[in-house]
Amino acid sequence: MSMIRHYYRNTHAIIFVYDVTNSATFDSLKKWIDESNINCLPDIPRILVGNKCDGIATVTTNVAQQFADQHNMPLFETSARLDSQCDNVEAIFITLAHKLKNQKPFLPVASTVKVNNTENAESSQKSSWCC
């Protein structure tokens, strides 16, 4: 179990991908979501993606949308084979970028310290010489 935590360390977003032509991949999503809930911050952006939508779907869009709604995630369906569906890949990452941008920063913003070392600056000016 300790190795699993290493995989989730510094995770800022999760994209859950399932195969619309293979219901077993969809059925395993609950396990992955539970695992991510244990190992990640609760408010990280999550997106659900149904892949291979060019094939014969065994997981309907309605079922996937209900699941996505239950887990507060947007749903996208895409295909690497169909040019018409490839645009959805771009939409997935644009959506994710917007979610990350609108989110609170994960790491505290470091405060800046201005150092004014006038003593060294004055001594370097005095010690400079020209040939």
Foldseek 3Di string as FASTA:
>chain_A
DVVLLVVCPPDQEEEQEAEQQDVVSVVCVVVVVVSCPVRDDLPHAYAYEHEPPVDDGPQDPVNVCVVCVVSVHYYAYAYPPDPVRVVSVVVVVVVNVVSSVPDDDPDDDDDDDDDDDVVVVVVVVVPDDDD
